[in-house]
Every structure is written in C-alpha cells, then in structure tokens.
C-alpha atoms as a PDB file:
ATOM      1  CA  UNK A   1      69.489 104.216  99.917  1.00  0.00           C
ATOM      2  CA  UNK A   2      68.890 107.889 100.801  1.00  0.00           C
ATOM      3  CA  UNK A   3      65.590 107.819  98.899  1.00  0.00           C
ATOM      4  CA  UNK A   4      64.374 104.703 100.735  1.00  0.00           C
ATOM      5  CA  UNK A   5      65.701 105.669 104.186  1.00  0.00           C
ATOM      6  CA  UNK A   6      65.779 109.481 104.200  1.00  0.00           C
ATOM      7  CA  UNK A   7      66.159 109.774 107.982  1.00  0.00           C
ATOM      8  CA  UNK A   8      69.090 107.368 108.213  1.00  0.00           C
ATOM      9  CA  UNK A   9      72.379 109.026 109.174  1.00  0.00           C
ATOM     10  CA  UNK A  10      74.995 109.011 106.461  1.00  0.00           C
ATOM     11  CA  UNK A  11      78.428 108.774 108.132  1.00  0.00           C
ATOM     12  CA  UNK A  12      81.576 108.401 106.034  1.00  0.00           C
ATOM     13  CA  UNK A  13      84.699 106.852 107.596  1.00  0.00           C
ATOM     14  CA  UNK A  14      87.559 108.030 105.362  1.00  0.00           C
ATOM     15  CA  UNK A  15      90.496 106.208 107.059  1.00  0.00           C
ATOM     16  CA  UNK A  16      92.713 108.610 105.111  1.00  0.00           C
ATOM     17  CA  UNK A  17      92.352 111.330 102.497  1.00  0.00           C
ATOM     18  CA  UNK A  18      92.888 109.205  99.380  1.00  0.00           C
ATOM     19  CA  UNK A  19      93.398 112.222  97.139  1.00  0.00           C
ATOM     20  CA  UNK A  20      96.397 113.290  99.215  1.00  0.00           C
ATOM     21  CA  UNK A  21      97.963 109.829  99.070  1.00  0.00           C
ATOM     22  CA  UNK A  22      97.468 109.516  95.316  1.00  0.00           C
ATOM     23  CA  UNK A  23      98.745 113.045  94.667  1.00  0.00           C
ATOM     24  CA  UNK A  24     101.926 112.279  96.618  1.00  0.00           C
ATOM     25  CA  UNK A  25     102.345 109.030  94.688  1.00  0.00           C
ATOM     26  CA  UNK A  26     101.996 110.825  91.367  1.00  0.00           C
ATOM     27  CA  UNK A  27     104.544 113.471  92.336  1.00  0.00           C
ATOM     28  CA  UNK A  28     107.000 110.794  93.502  1.00  0.00           C
ATOM     29  CA  UNK A  29     106.709 108.897  90.210  1.00  0.00           C
ATOM     30  CA  UNK A  30     107.459 112.152  88.390  1.00  0.00           C
ATOM     31  CA  UNK A  31     110.468 112.611  90.726  1.00  0.00           C
ATOM     32  CA  UNK A  32     109.414 116.038  91.934  1.00  0.00           C
ATOM     33  CA  UNK A  33     108.188 117.500  95.253  1.00  0.00           C
ATOM     34  CA  UNK A  34     104.503 117.238  96.094  1.00  0.00           C
ATOM     35  CA  UNK A  35     102.613 120.540  95.772  1.00  0.00           C
ATOM     36  CA  UNK A  36      99.180 121.459  97.098  1.00  0.00           C
ATOM     37  CA  UNK A  37      97.980 122.096  93.548  1.00  0.00           C
ATOM     38  CA  UNK A  38      98.446 118.344  92.935  1.00  0.00           C
ATOM     39  CA  UNK A  39      95.377 117.806  95.097  1.00  0.00           C
ATOM     40  CA  UNK A  40      92.985 119.223  92.511  1.00  0.00           C
ATOM     41  CA  UNK A  41      92.186 115.963  90.758  1.00  0.00           C
ATOM     42  CA  UNK A  42      89.155 113.984  89.627  1.00  0.00           C
ATOM     43  CA  UNK A  43      89.711 111.742  92.645  1.00  0.00           C
ATOM     44  CA  UNK A  44      89.450 114.776  94.934  1.00  0.00           C
ATOM     45  CA  UNK A  45      86.228 115.853  93.235  1.00  0.00           C
ATOM     46  CA  UNK A  46      84.655 112.442  93.817  1.00  0.00           C
ATOM     47  CA  UNK A  47      85.995 112.186  97.360  1.00  0.00           C
ATOM     48  CA  UNK A  48      84.802 115.639  98.417  1.00  0.00           C
ATOM     49  CA  UNK A  49      81.436 115.048  96.746  1.00  0.00           C
ATOM     50  CA  UNK A  50      81.053 111.913  98.879  1.00  0.00           C
ATOM     51  CA  UNK A  51      81.774 113.957 101.994  1.00  0.00           C
ATOM     52  CA  UNK A  52      79.216 116.594 101.051  1.00  0.00           C
ATOM     53  CA  UNK A  53      76.564 113.916 100.507  1.00  0.00           C
ATOM     54  CA  UNK A  54      77.063 112.661 104.068  1.00  0.00           C
ATOM     55  CA  UNK A  55      75.837 114.060 107.376  1.00  0.00           C
ATOM     56  CA  UNK A  56      79.207 113.510 109.061  1.00  0.00           C
ATOM     57  CA  UNK A  57      82.678 112.510 107.891  1.00  0.00           C
ATOM     58  CA  UNK A  58      85.217 110.881 110.210  1.00  0.00           C
ATOM     59  CA  UNK A  59      88.751 112.169 109.628  1.00  0.00           C
ATOM     60  CA  UNK A  60      91.739 110.320 111.066  1.00  0.00           C
ATOM     61  CA  UNK A  61      94.380 113.045 110.637  1.00  0.00           C
ATOM     62  CA  UNK A  62      94.492 116.608 111.923  1.00  0.00           C
ATOM     63  CA  UNK A  63      96.641 117.539 108.914  1.00  0.00           C
ATOM     64  CA  UNK A  64      93.902 116.319 106.571  1.00  0.00           C
ATOM     65  CA  UNK A  65      91.269 118.213 108.560  1.00  0.00           C
ATOM     66  CA  UNK A  66      93.254 121.390 107.950  1.00  0.00           C
ATOM     67  CA  UNK A  67      93.588 120.621 104.238  1.00  0.00           C
ATOM     68  CA  UNK A  68      89.855 120.140 103.847  1.00  0.00           C
ATOM     69  CA  UNK A  69      89.016 123.298 105.771  1.00  0.00           C
ATOM     70  CA  UNK A  70      91.690 125.658 104.440  1.00  0.00           C
ATOM     71  CA  UNK A  71      92.486 124.329 100.980  1.00  0.00           C
ATOM     72  CA  UNK A  72      88.999 123.195  99.956  1.00  0.00           C
ATOM     73  CA  UNK A  73      87.008 125.576 102.206  1.00  0.00           C
ATOM     74  CA  UNK A  74      84.801 122.825 103.592  1.00  0.00           C
ATOM     75  CA  UNK A  75      82.853 123.712 106.778  1.00  0.00           C
ATOM     76  CA  UNK A  76      84.429 122.419 109.982  1.00  0.00           C
ATOM     77  CA  UNK A  77      81.068 121.189 111.272  1.00  0.00           C
ATOM     78  CA  UNK A  78      80.986 118.550 108.545  1.00  0.00           C
ATOM     79  CA  UNK A  79      83.842 116.623 110.184  1.00  0.00           C
ATOM     80  CA  UNK A  80      84.718 114.718 113.324  1.00  0.00           C
ATOM     81  CA  UNK A  81      88.355 113.998 114.197  1.00  0.00           C
ATOM     82  CA  UNK A  82      88.699 110.313 115.104  1.00  0.00           C
ATOM     83  CA  UNK A  83      92.248 108.884 115.217  1.00  0.00           C
ATOM     84  CA  UNK A  84      93.075 105.351 116.340  1.00  0.00           C
ATOM     85  CA  UNK A  85      91.476 104.756 119.729  1.00  0.00           C
ATOM     86  CA  UNK A  86      93.074 102.786 122.530  1.00  0.00           C
ATOM     87  CA  UNK A  87      91.680 101.145 125.647  1.00  0.00           C
ATOM     88  CA  UNK A  88      94.249 102.469 128.097  1.00  0.00           C
ATOM     89  CA  UNK A  89      92.956 100.211 130.865  1.00  0.00           C
ATOM     90  CA  UNK A  90      94.458  97.220 129.037  1.00  0.00           C
ATOM     91  CA  UNK A  91      97.000  98.670 126.604  1.00  0.00           C
ATOM     92  CA  UNK A  92     100.084  98.674 128.828  1.00  0.00           C
ATOM     93  CA  UNK A  93      99.414  95.871 131.291  1.00  0.00           C
ATOM     94  CA  UNK A  94     102.627  94.053 130.347  1.00  0.00           C
ATOM     95  CA  UNK A  95     105.995  95.778 130.704  1.00  0.00           C
ATOM     96  CA  UNK A  96     107.883  96.489 127.505  1.00  0.00           C
ATOM     97  CA  UNK A  97     110.561  94.020 126.460  1.00  0.00           C
ATOM     98  CA  UNK A  98     113.938  95.477 127.521  1.00  0.00           C
ATOM     99  CA  UNK A  99     116.598  96.603 125.074  1.00  0.00           C
ATOM    100  CA  UNK A 100     118.781  93.518 125.496  1.00  0.00           C
ATOM    101  CA  UNK A 101     115.900  91.116 124.799  1.00  0.00           C
ATOM    102  CA  UNK A 102     115.125  92.720 121.441  1.00  0.00           C
ATOM    103  CA  UNK A 103     117.163  92.472 118.255  1.00  0.00           C
ATOM    104  CA  UNK A 104     117.161  93.376 114.559  1.00  0.00           C
ATOM    105  CA  UNK A 105     115.163  95.867 112.547  1.00  0.00           C
ATOM    106  CA  UNK A 106     111.663  95.379 111.154  1.00  0.00           C
ATOM    107  CA  UNK A 107     109.290  96.796 108.581  1.00  0.00           C
ATOM    108  CA  UNK A 108     105.669  95.671 108.257  1.00  0.00           C
ATOM    109  CA  UNK A 109     102.829  96.627 105.931  1.00  0.00           C
ATOM    110  CA  UNK A 110     100.240  95.309 103.489  1.00  0.00           C
ATOM    111  CA  UNK A 111     101.788  95.315 100.013  1.00  0.00           C
ATOM    112  CA  UNK A 112      98.557  96.009  98.203  1.00  0.00           C
ATOM    113  CA  UNK A 113      99.267  99.504  99.563  1.00  0.00           C
ATOM    114  CA  UNK A 114     101.726 101.342  97.292  1.00  0.00           C
ATOM    115  CA  UNK A 115     103.403 103.412 100.075  1.00  0.00           C
ATOM    116  CA  UNK A 116     104.626 100.197 101.725  1.00  0.00           C
ATOM    117  CA  UNK A 117     106.321  98.893  98.592  1.00  0.00           C
ATOM    118  CA  UNK A 118     107.806 102.347  98.026  1.00  0.00           C
ATOM    119  CA  UNK A 119     109.241 102.361 101.571  1.00  0.00           C
ATOM    120  CA  UNK A 120     110.782  98.892 101.268  1.00  0.00           C
ATOM    121  CA  UNK A 121     112.382  99.749  97.950  1.00  0.00           C
ATOM    122  CA  UNK A 122     113.864 102.858  99.594  1.00  0.00           C
ATOM    123  CA  UNK A 123     115.209 100.719 102.442  1.00  0.00           C
ATOM    124  CA  UNK A 124     116.855  98.347  99.992  1.00  0.00           C
ATOM    125  CA  UNK A 125     118.247 100.919  97.574  1.00  0.00           C
ATOM    126  CA  UNK A 126     119.161 103.854  99.810  1.00  0.00           C
ATOM    127  CA  UNK A 127     119.863 102.907 103.414  1.00  0.00           C
ATOM    128  CA  UNK A 128     120.200  99.236 104.310  1.00  0.00           C
ATOM    129  CA  UNK A 129     123.711  98.589 102.972  1.00  0.00           C
ATOM    130  CA  UNK A 130     125.105 101.452 105.088  1.00  0.00           C
ATOM    131  CA  UNK A 131     123.250 100.319 108.212  1.00  0.00           C
ATOM    132  CA  UNK A 132     124.436  96.741 107.682  1.00  0.00           C
ATOM    133  CA  UNK A 133     128.023  97.898 107.225  1.00  0.00           C
ATOM    134  CA  UNK A 134     127.894  99.623 110.621  1.00  0.00           C
ATOM    135  CA  UNK A 135     125.948  96.774 112.272  1.00  0.00           C
ATOM    136  CA  UNK A 136     127.079  93.563 110.507  1.00  0.00           C
ATOM    137  CA  UNK A 137     125.146  91.245 112.839  1.00  0.00           C
ATOM    138  CA  UNK A 138     121.815  93.064 112.442  1.00  0.00           C
ATOM    139  CA  UNK A 139     119.071  91.888 110.101  1.00  0.00           C
ATOM    140  CA  UNK A 140     116.106  93.676 108.544  1.00  0.00           C
ATOM    141  CA  UNK A 141     112.890  91.630 108.582  1.00  0.00           C
ATOM    142  CA  UNK A 142     110.227  92.609 106.050  1.00  0.00           C
ATOM    143  CA  UNK A 143     106.694  91.426 106.829  1.00  0.00           C
ATOM    144  CA  UNK A 144     103.440  92.035 105.020  1.00  0.00           C
ATOM    145  CA  UNK A 145     100.537  90.356 103.267  1.00  0.00           C
ATOM    146  CA  UNK A 146     100.369  90.068  99.482  1.00  0.00           C
ATOM    147  CA  UNK A 147     104.094  90.466  98.778  1.00  0.00           C
ATOM    148  CA  UNK A 148     104.609  90.869  95.012  1.00  0.00           C
ATOM    149  CA  UNK A 149     107.308  88.929  93.147  1.00  0.00           C
ATOM    150  CA  UNK A 150     109.399  92.097  92.853  1.00  0.00           C
ATOM    151  CA  UNK A 151     109.503  92.235  96.667  1.00  0.00           C
ATOM    152  CA  UNK A 152     110.352  88.545  97.087  1.00  0.00           C
ATOM    153  CA  UNK A 153     113.269  89.051  94.720  1.00  0.00           C
ATOM    154  CA  UNK A 154     114.796  91.506  97.199  1.00  0.00           C
ATOM    155  CA  UNK A 155     115.264  88.726  99.778  1.00  0.00           C
ATOM    156  CA  UNK A 156     119.009  88.354 100.387  1.00  0.00           C
ATOM    157  CA  UNK A 157     120.276  86.189 103.232  1.00  0.00           C
ATOM    158  CA  UNK A 158     123.904  87.269 102.981  1.00  0.00           C
ATOM    159  CA  UNK A 159     123.083  90.953 103.499  1.00  0.00           C
ATOM    160  CA  UNK A 160     120.457  90.296 106.182  1.00  0.00           C
ATOM    161  CA  UNK A 161     117.563  91.672 104.092  1.00  0.00           C
ATOM    162  CA  UNK A 162     114.878  89.079 104.815  1.00  0.00           C
ATOM    163  CA  UNK A 163     111.425  89.056 103.188  1.00  0.00           C
ATOM    164  CA  UNK A 164     109.014  86.875 105.179  1.00  0.00           C
ATOM    165  CA  UNK A 165     105.544  87.630 103.824  1.00  0.00           C
ATOM    166  CA  UNK A 166     102.519  87.840 106.085  1.00  0.00           C
ATOM    167  CA  UNK A 167     103.108  87.941 109.855  1.00  0.00           C
ATOM    168  CA  UNK A 168     100.990  85.649 112.004  1.00  0.00           C
ATOM    169  CA  UNK A 169     100.892  88.312 114.735  1.00  0.00           C
ATOM    170  CA  UNK A 170     101.937  91.856 113.863  1.00  0.00           C
ATOM    171  CA  UNK A 171     102.303  92.951 117.491  1.00  0.00           C
ATOM    172  CA  UNK A 172     104.642  90.042 118.287  1.00  0.00           C
ATOM    173  CA  UNK A 173     106.804  90.803 115.258  1.00  0.00           C
ATOM    174  CA  UNK A 174     107.012  94.458 116.246  1.00  0.00           C
ATOM    175  CA  UNK A 175     107.647  93.677 119.910  1.00  0.00           C
ATOM    176  CA  UNK A 176     110.535  91.298 119.175  1.00  0.00           C
ATOM    177  CA  UNK A 177     112.351  93.842 116.984  1.00  0.00           C
ATOM    178  CA  UNK A 178     114.616  96.470 118.486  1.00  0.00           C
ATOM    179  CA  UNK A 179     113.782  99.201 115.956  1.00  0.00           C
ATOM    180  CA  UNK A 180     111.051  99.761 113.372  1.00  0.00           C
ATOM    181  CA  UNK A 181     112.300 101.362 110.149  1.00  0.00           C
ATOM    182  CA  UNK A 182     109.529 103.181 108.283  1.00  0.00           C
ATOM    183  CA  UNK A 183     110.883 105.566 105.616  1.00  0.00           C
ATOM    184  CA  UNK A 184     107.415 106.528 104.386  1.00  0.00           C
ATOM    185  CA  UNK A 185     107.857 108.740 101.328  1.00  0.00           C
ATOM    186  CA  UNK A 186     104.237 108.850 100.183  1.00  0.00           C
ATOM    187  CA  UNK A 187     100.906 108.246 101.861  1.00  0.00           C
ATOM    188  CA  UNK A 188      98.256 109.824 104.031  1.00  0.00           C
ATOM    189  CA  UNK A 189      96.380 109.292 107.281  1.00  0.00           C
ATOM    190  CA  UNK A 190      98.153 108.049 110.395  1.00  0.00           C
ATOM    191  CA  UNK A 191     100.294 104.952 110.146  1.00  0.00           C
ATOM    192  CA  UNK A 192      99.207 101.777 111.887  1.00  0.00           C
ATOM    193  CA  UNK A 193     102.700 100.286 112.024  1.00  0.00           C
ATOM    194  CA  UNK A 194     104.019 103.315 113.927  1.00  0.00           C
ATOM    195  CA  UNK A 195     101.049 103.322 116.304  1.00  0.00           C
ATOM    196  CA  UNK A 196     101.403  99.593 117.019  1.00  0.00           C
ATOM    197  CA  UNK A 197     105.152  99.930 117.564  1.00  0.00           C
ATOM    198  CA  UNK A 198     104.428 102.459 120.308  1.00  0.00           C
ATOM    199  CA  UNK A 199     101.948 100.052 121.900  1.00  0.00           C
ATOM    200  CA  UNK A 200     104.613  97.353 122.250  1.00  0.00           C
ATOM    201  CA  UNK A 201     107.548  99.598 123.135  1.00  0.00           C
ATOM    202  CA  UNK A 202     109.528  99.470 119.890  1.00  0.00           C
ATOM    203  CA  UNK A 203     111.115 102.793 118.933  1.00  0.00           C
ATOM    204  CA  UNK A 204     111.040 103.820 115.281  1.00  0.00           C
ATOM    205  CA  UNK A 205     112.820 105.863 112.662  1.00  0.00           C
ATOM    206  CA  UNK A 206     110.425 107.434 110.190  1.00  0.00           C
ATOM    207  CA  UNK A 207     109.918 110.486 107.994  1.00  0.00           C
ATOM    208  CA  UNK A 208     107.879 113.665 108.184  1.00  0.00           C
ATOM    209  CA  UNK A 209     105.165 112.015 106.075  1.00  0.00           C
ATOM    210  CA  UNK A 210     105.290 108.924 108.294  1.00  0.00           C
ATOM    211  CA  UNK A 211     104.842 110.865 111.532  1.00  0.00           C
ATOM    212  CA  UNK A 212     102.394 113.345 110.014  1.00  0.00           C
ATOM    213  CA  UNK A 213      99.589 114.271 112.436  1.00  0.00           C
ATOM    214  CA  UNK A 214     100.651 111.579 114.916  1.00  0.00           C
ATOM    215  CA  UNK A 215     102.675 113.326 117.595  1.00  0.00           C
ATOM    216  CA  UNK A 216     101.343 116.849 118.027  1.00  0.00           C
ATOM    217  CA  UNK A 217     103.843 118.727 120.212  1.00  0.00           C
ATOM    218  CA  UNK A 218     105.124 115.599 121.963  1.00  0.00           C
ATOM    219  CA  UNK A 219     108.524 113.911 121.434  1.00  0.00           C
ATOM    220  CA  UNK A 220     108.627 111.005 118.968  1.00  0.00           C
ATOM    221  CA  UNK A 221     109.527 107.515 120.184  1.00  0.00           C
ATOM    222  CA  UNK A 222     112.690 107.593 118.103  1.00  0.00           C
ATOM    223  CA  UNK A 223     113.588 109.896 115.222  1.00  0.00           C
ATOM    224  CA  UNK A 224     111.754 111.736 112.435  1.00  0.00           C
ATOM    225  CA  UNK A 225     114.156 112.505 109.567  1.00  0.00           C
ATOM    226  CA  UNK A 226     113.884 112.839 105.795  1.00  0.00           C
ATOM    227  CA  UNK A 227     117.299 112.533 104.150  1.00  0.00           C
ATOM    228  CA  UNK A 228     118.907 109.132 103.543  1.00  0.00           C
ATOM    229  CA  UNK A 229     122.082 109.947 105.497  1.00  0.00           C
ATOM    230  CA  UNK A 230     120.081 111.288 108.444  1.00  0.00           C
ATOM    231  CA  UNK A 231     117.912 108.160 108.350  1.00  0.00           C
ATOM    232  CA  UNK A 232     120.967 105.877 108.389  1.00  0.00           C
ATOM    233  CA  UNK A 233     122.607 107.734 111.272  1.00  0.00           C
ATOM    234  CA  UNK A 234     119.381 107.775 113.291  1.00  0.00           C
ATOM    235  CA  UNK A 235     118.791 104.051 112.774  1.00  0.00           C
ATOM    236  CA  UNK A 236     122.306 103.168 113.936  1.00  0.00           C
ATOM    237  CA  UNK A 237     122.073 105.517 116.924  1.00  0.00           C
ATOM    238  CA  UNK A 238     118.695 104.217 118.045  1.00  0.00           C
ATOM    239  CA  UNK A 239     119.840 100.609 117.687  1.00  0.00           C
ATOM    240  CA  UNK A 240     123.006 101.039 119.744  1.00  0.00           C
ATOM    241  CA  UNK A 241     122.327 103.675 122.401  1.00  0.00           C
ATOM    242  CA  UNK A 242     121.138 101.678 125.395  1.00  0.00           C
ATOM    243  CA  UNK A 243     120.752 104.671 127.695  1.00  0.00           C
ATOM    244  CA  UNK A 244     118.265 106.428 125.441  1.00  0.00           C
ATOM    245  CA  UNK A 245     116.244 103.340 124.568  1.00  0.00           C
ATOM    246  CA  UNK A 246     113.922 103.221 127.575  1.00  0.00           C
ATOM    247  CA  UNK A 247     113.296 106.947 127.249  1.00  0.00           C
ATOM    248  CA  UNK A 248     112.212 106.437 123.649  1.00  0.00           C
ATOM    249  CA  UNK A 249     109.899 103.615 124.712  1.00  0.00           C
ATOM    250  CA  UNK A 250     108.285 105.925 127.249  1.00  0.00           C
ATOM    251  CA  UNK A 251     107.846 108.641 124.626  1.00  0.00           C
ATOM    252  CA  UNK A 252     105.687 106.218 122.664  1.00  0.00           C
ATOM    253  CA  UNK A 253     103.613 105.338 125.711  1.00  0.00           C
ATOM    254  CA  UNK A 254     103.092 109.027 126.491  1.00  0.00           C
ATOM    255  CA  UNK A 255     101.977 109.686 122.902  1.00  0.00           C
ATOM    256  CA  UNK A 256      99.402 106.892 123.033  1.00  0.00           C
ATOM    257  CA  UNK A 257      98.046 108.055 126.379  1.00  0.00           C
ATOM    258  CA  UNK A 258      97.838 111.711 125.340  1.00  0.00           C
ATOM    259  CA  UNK A 259      96.519 111.409 121.775  1.00  0.00           C
ATOM    260  CA  UNK A 260      94.766 108.049 121.286  1.00  0.00           C
ATOM    261  CA  UNK A 261      92.649 107.550 124.400  1.00  0.00           C
ATOM    262  CA  UNK A 262      89.378 105.877 123.460  1.00  0.00           C
ATOM    263  CA  UNK A 263      87.790 107.204 126.653  1.00  0.00           C
ATOM    264  CA  UNK A 264      88.111 110.703 125.175  1.00  0.00           C
ATOM    265  CA  UNK A 265      87.071 110.166 121.570  1.00  0.00           C
ATOM    266  CA  UNK A 266      84.333 107.532 121.730  1.00  0.00           C
ATOM    267  CA  UNK A 267      81.991 109.396 124.120  1.00  0.00           C
ATOM    268  CA  UNK A 268      82.529 112.566 122.074  1.00  0.00           C
ATOM    269  CA  UNK A 269      81.565 110.685 118.889  1.00  0.00           C
ATOM    270  CA  UNK A 270      78.459 109.269 120.565  1.00  0.00           C
ATOM    271  CA  UNK A 271      77.456 112.774 121.639  1.00  0.00           C
ATOM    272  CA  UNK A 272      77.991 114.099 118.112  1.00  0.00           C
ATOM    273  CA  UNK A 273      75.768 111.380 116.641  1.00  0.00           C
ATOM    274  CA  UNK A 274      73.095 112.074 119.263  1.00  0.00           C
ATOM    275  CA  UNK A 275      73.152 115.748 118.295  1.00  0.00           C
ATOM    276  CA  UNK A 276      72.722 114.727 114.654  1.00  0.00           C
ATOM    277  CA  UNK A 277      69.696 112.684 115.576  1.00  0.00           C
ATOM    278  CA  UNK A 278      68.106 115.552 117.445  1.00  0.00           C
ATOM    279  CA  UNK A 279      68.622 118.160 114.737  1.00  0.00           C
ATOM    280  CA  UNK A 280      69.170 116.309 111.452  1.00  0.00           C
ATOM    281  CA  UNK A 281      67.041 118.699 109.406  1.00  0.00           C
ATOM    282  CA  UNK A 282      69.104 121.724 110.462  1.00  0.00           C
ATOM    283  CA  UNK A 283      72.371 119.884 109.827  1.00  0.00           C
ATOM    284  CA  UNK A 284      71.246 119.060 106.288  1.00  0.00           C
ATOM    285  CA  UNK A 285      69.928 122.551 105.618  1.00  0.00           C
ATOM    286  CA  UNK A 286      73.296 123.956 106.627  1.00  0.00           C
ATOM    287  CA  UNK A 287      74.872 121.632 104.068  1.00  0.00           C
ATOM    288  CA  UNK A 288      72.859 122.765 101.060  1.00  0.00           C
ATOM    289  CA  UNK A 289      75.653 121.823  98.645  1.00  0.00           C
ATOM    290  CA  UNK A 290      75.283 118.275  99.923  1.00  0.00           C
ATOM    291  CA  UNK A 291      71.535 118.404  99.277  1.00  0.00           C
ATOM    292  CA  UNK A 292      72.181 119.482  95.694  1.00  0.00           C
ATOM    293  CA  UNK A 293      74.630 116.639  95.145  1.00  0.00           C
ATOM    294  CA  UNK A 294      72.308 114.120  96.764  1.00  0.00           C
ATOM    295  CA  UNK A 295      69.432 115.307  94.563  1.00  0.00           C
ATOM    296  CA  UNK A 296      71.497 115.021  91.386  1.00  0.00           C
ATOM    297  CA  UNK A 297      72.766 111.568  92.374  1.00  0.00           C
ATOM    298  CA  UNK A 298      69.251 110.299  93.043  1.00  0.00           C
ATOM    299  CA  UNK A 299      67.909 111.687  89.757  1.00  0.00           C
ATOM    300  CA  UNK A 300      70.742 110.266  87.666  1.00  0.00           C
ATOM    301  CA  UNK A 301      70.320 106.857  89.327  1.00  0.00           C
ATOM    302  CA  UNK A 302      66.558 106.990  88.770  1.00  0.00           C
ATOM    303  CA  UNK A 303      66.897 107.743  85.064  1.00  0.00           C
ATOM    304  CA  UNK A 304      69.612 105.152  84.616  1.00  0.00           C
ATOM    305  CA  UNK A 305      67.380 102.500  86.225  1.00  0.00           C
ATOM    306  CA  UNK A 306      64.536 103.501  83.905  1.00  0.00           C
ATOM    307  CA  UNK A 307      66.854 103.102  80.905  1.00  0.00           C
ATOM    308  CA  UNK A 308      67.858  99.613  82.068  1.00  0.00           C
ATOM    309  CA  UNK A 309      64.173  98.661  82.505  1.00  0.00           C
ATOM    310  CA  UNK A 310      63.268  99.837  78.994  1.00  0.00           C
ATOM    311  CA  UNK A 311      66.335  98.110  77.516  1.00  0.00           C
ATOM    312  CA  UNK A 312      65.476  94.801  79.200  1.00  0.00           C
ATOM    313  CA  UNK A 313      61.867  94.965  77.981  1.00  0.00           C
ATOM    314  CA  UNK A 314      62.895  95.171  74.340  1.00  0.00           C
END
C-alpha cells in the first residue's frame, strides 16, 4: 500500500497496548507480579515496528504513552492521545436512576477477551460468596458475548450468580444495576465497561489495573482497591450506603466531563492530521527508523511476490 500510495497518511489506532496486556496475562498465569521487563517480547517488537512504520499512532491511555516514551524511548511526536470521546451535549440529558430504583450487581464484557474471563473467575472464586453472605437478597448478573462453556457452568441460581450471555443493550443493563463489579487483574487500555457505567450513573468497584489512566487526579465513582477483602468490603459499602451513592454518581459525571470531552479531542486530532498533510516529508524524515522499517518491509514483500510468481509459472 505504501508503495502504491506513498503520500497517503498511515495512522494506527492501537485501542490498547497489546504487549502490555499479554505480558500481564503471562505473569498472572505464572502466578507472579508483572514486571516491566516482561514487556520485551516478540509481540512488542512487532507492535512497536508497526508504530514506527506509521505517520501517527493513536494511544488511548496516558499510562501507555508514558511506557512507550520512557521504557521504549519512542519520540513523543509519533503519538496522539485519544481516549474515549463523548458528546457532552447529549450524554447526560436524562437524570440518573436513583439509588432505590436500582438493584443487584453486574459485570459485562466480551468473553473472547481473556481479562474478562479472568475477572469473572475472580468474582466467583474470591469475592462473591462473602458479598452474598452479607447481602443475601443481592444477585450478580454476568453479561457478555461469546460466553465459553466454562463460564456457563458457573451459573448458580441458589447463590445468585447468574450468567446471561450477550446483553441486548449494554447501557440498559449497566443502568439498571446498582453497582458494577470489575476486578480487572490483567489488561491494558481504558475499560469500556467502567466508562459506560459512569455515563449511566452506576458506581463501580474496580482495581488499579481497571482504573488505570482513567481518572487522573479526580475521585473515582466508587472504589479502586486490589485485595480481595478490600474489594468485598467496598462492594458491600457502595451497595448499602445511600448517602454516598449520589455523590459517587456525580464523581463519574465529573470524570466524563473533564477527561472524555469530544469537543476537546476531536478538533485537536483534526489539527494534528492537517499539520501532517502540510509537512509530511519532514515528519517522515524525523522518523528515519520508520523509513528503514518501511523500506525493509517493501523489499521483503517484493521478493516474496516474485518467488510466488516464479513458483506458479513452473
């Protein structure tokens, strides 16, 4: 593509830093803490090479921006920080459902994504029985597309651990629940379930990894804790403390307004792309490593295509 359209912009939307997510998964499977040295993998080499071959890379997480700049020494000008963007003119037109109209706990996530299965297993094995003992009428509703058989087998009516599969409307499911439980142990990027819970006024209990790069210096719309006992206590407190509930809902609204305003990020992105258009040659000259990688990729593809042609002519 670069050979045929050399003046076309090459913009990479990462969504999250996959190498970070996979490194955390590997460390968790080995039952040890994640270390920065875990990042130096073949996946990281391929992922960073893709970034170098592009004119601009969109990064969703400030934490991942810092990793790329400080750990991998990549130039800051190669990136643009673009989190989830929200149209604030329409986002909060309806008032949040009040505490007394909401009930039960919820978790939601696509189960092709390993961190979601990991979180649900943690809920089942480490925290739900204690929460249920304290709140015997409460239920935990698990939603998500592509639920594997091992997840369906966790469904247990008597203990209120209910596996539903795909939700018809994620925002409705989140809005109806009183509290989102998201004990994210592994993963990367910023978490859609936590963002959407803020949009509909549902406080959450999550972990440091779950809230990573989402709140800045602002209060969370619930609790951020890492130990199982702290998670249990926070879930029970958030579920039962009526006086604090509306304040937590407002914390989420403040976070969205301060950190995810599309009116801030989208014009800035458009300006960045316009600047690329006006000075693309300089941008690429400043990224000479990217030129080297692009050259090698084109040459290897060219020779491979020649080999296929010769092979097919035999």
